[in-house]
Amino acid sequence: MSRSSSEKYTAEFFKGIKKASEGQIKVKVDGVEQTYPVSRAEVRENDVVMEFDMRGGDPSFNRFIYVVIKKSLLNQKVNFTAPGQPVYFLFQSFPQEWLAAIGWIRVEWQEGSKKIEGLLDDIDGEREEDSKLSSGKFSVTLS
């Protein structure tokens, strides 16, 4: 995947995402279990957006996981069929940056609820050298 394919989602795309009150994602990255806090989340008119902060308190690195899922795909297992399709799942951890092309995710949310939960497994990019995320789960409470 070229860097330009991930740049079509500009900073404006994520503008207006409000702070989540609490939450985290637990996922194995290359076989090592990691836990990252949610930094922002929002339920918008057509989709749900979440950002998980992988910096570990170090602001000098841009390390995060972004998930953008259409409301029509909520509450069901969704397989990734191509980078950014049908769910936008961005993994950025220097020097890697990739959109999920392999694996699946399930995001649970009910209209009016402040709780978003989900599972993911076998998530990978297109390149063999990409990190693999497996056995993950997340839970977010909206402000």
Protein backbone atom coordinates (compact mmCIF):
# COMPACT_ATOMS: atom_id res chain seq x y z
CA MET A 1 0.00 0.00 0.00
CA SER A 2 1.37 3.37 -0.88
CA ARG A 3 1.35 6.14 1.66
CA SER A 4 -0.85 8.22 -0.63
CA SER A 5 -3.77 5.81 -0.30
CA SER A 6 -3.97 6.49 3.42
CA GLU A 7 -3.57 10.25 2.96
CA LYS A 8 -6.93 10.60 1.22
CA TYR A 9 -8.37 10.74 4.76
CA THR A 10 -7.21 14.17 5.86
CA ALA A 11 -7.19 15.66 9.34
CA GLU A 12 -10.54 17.27 8.52
CA PHE A 13 -12.03 13.78 8.20
CA PHE A 14 -11.47 13.26 11.92
CA LYS A 15 -12.31 16.82 12.98
CA GLY A 16 -15.06 17.12 15.53
CA ILE A 17 -14.46 13.76 17.14
CA LYS A 18 -15.25 14.22 20.80
CA LYS A 19 -13.38 12.84 23.77
CA ALA A 20 -14.49 9.48 25.03
CA SER A 21 -14.87 9.32 28.78
CA GLU A 22 -13.14 5.95 29.11
CA GLY A 23 -12.22 2.81 27.25
CA GLN A 24 -9.43 0.75 25.79
CA ILE A 25 -8.44 -1.79 23.20
CA LYS A 26 -6.63 -5.00 24.14
CA VAL A 27 -5.00 -6.68 21.19
CA LYS A 28 -2.07 -8.90 20.39
CA VAL A 29 0.38 -7.09 18.11
CA ASP A 30 2.77 -9.57 16.52
CA GLY A 31 1.96 -12.06 19.27
CA VAL A 32 2.50 -9.66 22.20
CA GLU A 33 -0.60 -8.59 24.15
CA GLN A 34 -0.96 -4.82 24.36
CA THR A 35 -3.52 -2.48 25.92
CA TYR A 36 -4.09 1.03 24.56
CA PRO A 37 -6.50 3.70 25.87
CA VAL A 38 -9.20 5.29 23.76
CA SER A 39 -8.38 8.92 23.05
CA ARG A 40 -11.45 9.96 21.04
CA ALA A 41 -14.74 8.44 19.91
CA GLU A 42 -17.92 9.65 18.27
CA VAL A 43 -21.20 8.35 16.94
CA ARG A 44 -21.94 10.42 13.84
CA GLU A 45 -24.97 10.44 11.54
CA ASN A 46 -23.73 7.58 9.33
CA ASP A 47 -20.85 5.99 11.19
CA VAL A 48 -18.97 5.33 14.43
CA VAL A 49 -15.39 6.58 14.84
CA MET A 50 -12.81 5.53 17.45
CA GLU A 51 -9.15 6.38 18.00
CA PHE A 52 -6.87 4.40 20.31
CA ASP A 53 -3.61 5.99 21.48
CA MET A 54 -0.53 3.76 21.19
CA ARG A 55 2.04 6.42 22.21
CA GLY A 56 2.36 5.33 25.81
CA GLY A 57 2.75 8.92 26.98
CA ASP A 58 5.38 9.82 24.36
CA PRO A 59 3.94 12.70 22.30
CA SER A 60 6.89 12.63 19.86
CA PHE A 61 5.47 9.59 18.07
CA ASN A 62 2.28 9.42 16.02
CA ARG A 63 1.10 5.93 17.01
CA PHE A 64 -2.57 5.03 16.94
CA ILE A 65 -5.34 2.77 15.73
CA TYR A 66 -8.33 4.42 13.98
CA VAL A 67 -11.60 2.63 13.31
CA VAL A 68 -14.41 4.10 11.20
CA ILE A 69 -17.41 1.82 10.62
CA LYS A 70 -20.71 2.57 8.89
CA LYS A 71 -23.78 2.21 11.09
CA SER A 72 -25.20 -0.28 8.58
CA LEU A 73 -22.31 -2.64 9.46
CA LEU A 74 -22.75 -2.50 13.24
CA ASN A 75 -23.69 -5.56 15.31
CA GLN A 76 -22.35 -8.04 12.76
CA LYS A 77 -19.04 -9.65 11.86
CA VAL A 78 -17.45 -7.73 8.98
CA ASN A 79 -14.59 -9.17 6.93
CA PHE A 80 -12.00 -6.82 5.45
CA THR A 81 -11.98 -7.26 1.67
CA ALA A 82 -9.49 -4.55 0.64
CA PRO A 83 -7.57 -1.72 2.32
CA GLY A 84 -10.13 0.63 3.87
CA GLN A 85 -13.09 -1.52 2.74
CA PRO A 86 -15.70 -2.06 4.00
CA VAL A 87 -14.40 -0.68 7.32
CA TYR A 88 -11.65 1.92 7.60
CA PHE A 89 -9.11 0.46 10.06
CA LEU A 90 -5.81 2.37 10.19
CA PHE A 91 -2.78 1.09 12.13
CA GLN A 92 0.06 3.57 12.49
CA SER A 93 3.13 2.67 14.48
CA PHE A 94 6.40 4.11 13.20
CA PRO A 95 7.69 3.10 10.69
CA GLN A 96 4.49 1.28 9.65
CA GLU A 97 1.24 2.75 8.43
CA TRP A 98 -1.36 0.54 6.82
CA LEU A 99 -5.06 0.01 6.28
CA ALA A 100 -6.51 -3.38 7.16
CA ALA A 101 -6.96 -5.66 4.15
CA ILE A 102 -7.25 -8.98 5.97
CA GLY A 103 -9.19 -10.15 9.03
CA TRP A 104 -12.50 -9.20 10.62
CA ILE A 105 -14.09 -6.86 13.15
CA ARG A 106 -17.42 -6.73 14.97
CA VAL A 107 -18.57 -3.43 16.51
CA GLU A 108 -21.58 -3.52 18.86
CA TRP A 109 -23.59 -0.34 19.46
CA GLN A 110 -27.29 0.32 19.98
CA GLU A 111 -28.96 3.64 19.11
CA GLY A 112 -28.83 5.98 22.11
CA SER A 113 -26.28 3.88 24.00
CA LYS A 114 -23.07 5.40 25.34
CA LYS A 115 -21.24 2.05 25.16
CA ILE A 116 -19.38 0.75 22.09
CA GLU A 117 -17.84 -2.72 22.28
CA GLY A 118 -16.23 -5.02 19.81
CA LEU A 119 -13.96 -7.84 18.77
CA LEU A 120 -11.35 -8.17 16.04
CA ASP A 121 -9.08 -10.93 14.81
CA ASP A 122 -6.38 -11.73 12.27
CA ILE A 123 -6.09 -8.10 11.11
CA ASP A 124 -3.23 -7.43 8.75
CA GLY A 125 -2.25 -5.09 5.93
CA GLU A 126 -1.34 -6.03 2.39
CA ARG A 127 2.40 -6.45 2.89
CA GLU A 128 4.05 -9.45 4.45
CA GLU A 129 6.12 -7.20 6.74
CA ASP A 130 3.04 -5.51 8.23
CA SER A 131 2.32 -6.11 11.90
CA LYS A 132 -0.51 -8.55 12.61
CA LEU A 133 -3.21 -7.77 15.17
CA SER A 134 -5.05 -10.71 16.67
CA SER A 135 -7.35 -11.71 19.51
CA GLY A 136 -8.47 -8.15 20.13
CA LYS A 137 -11.39 -6.62 21.97
CA PHE A 138 -12.38 -3.07 22.84
CA SER A 139 -14.85 -1.21 24.98
CA VAL A 140 -15.53 2.55 24.86
CA THR A 141 -17.86 4.75 26.89
CA LEU A 142 -18.83 8.00 25.19
CA SER A 143 -18.90 11.33 27.03
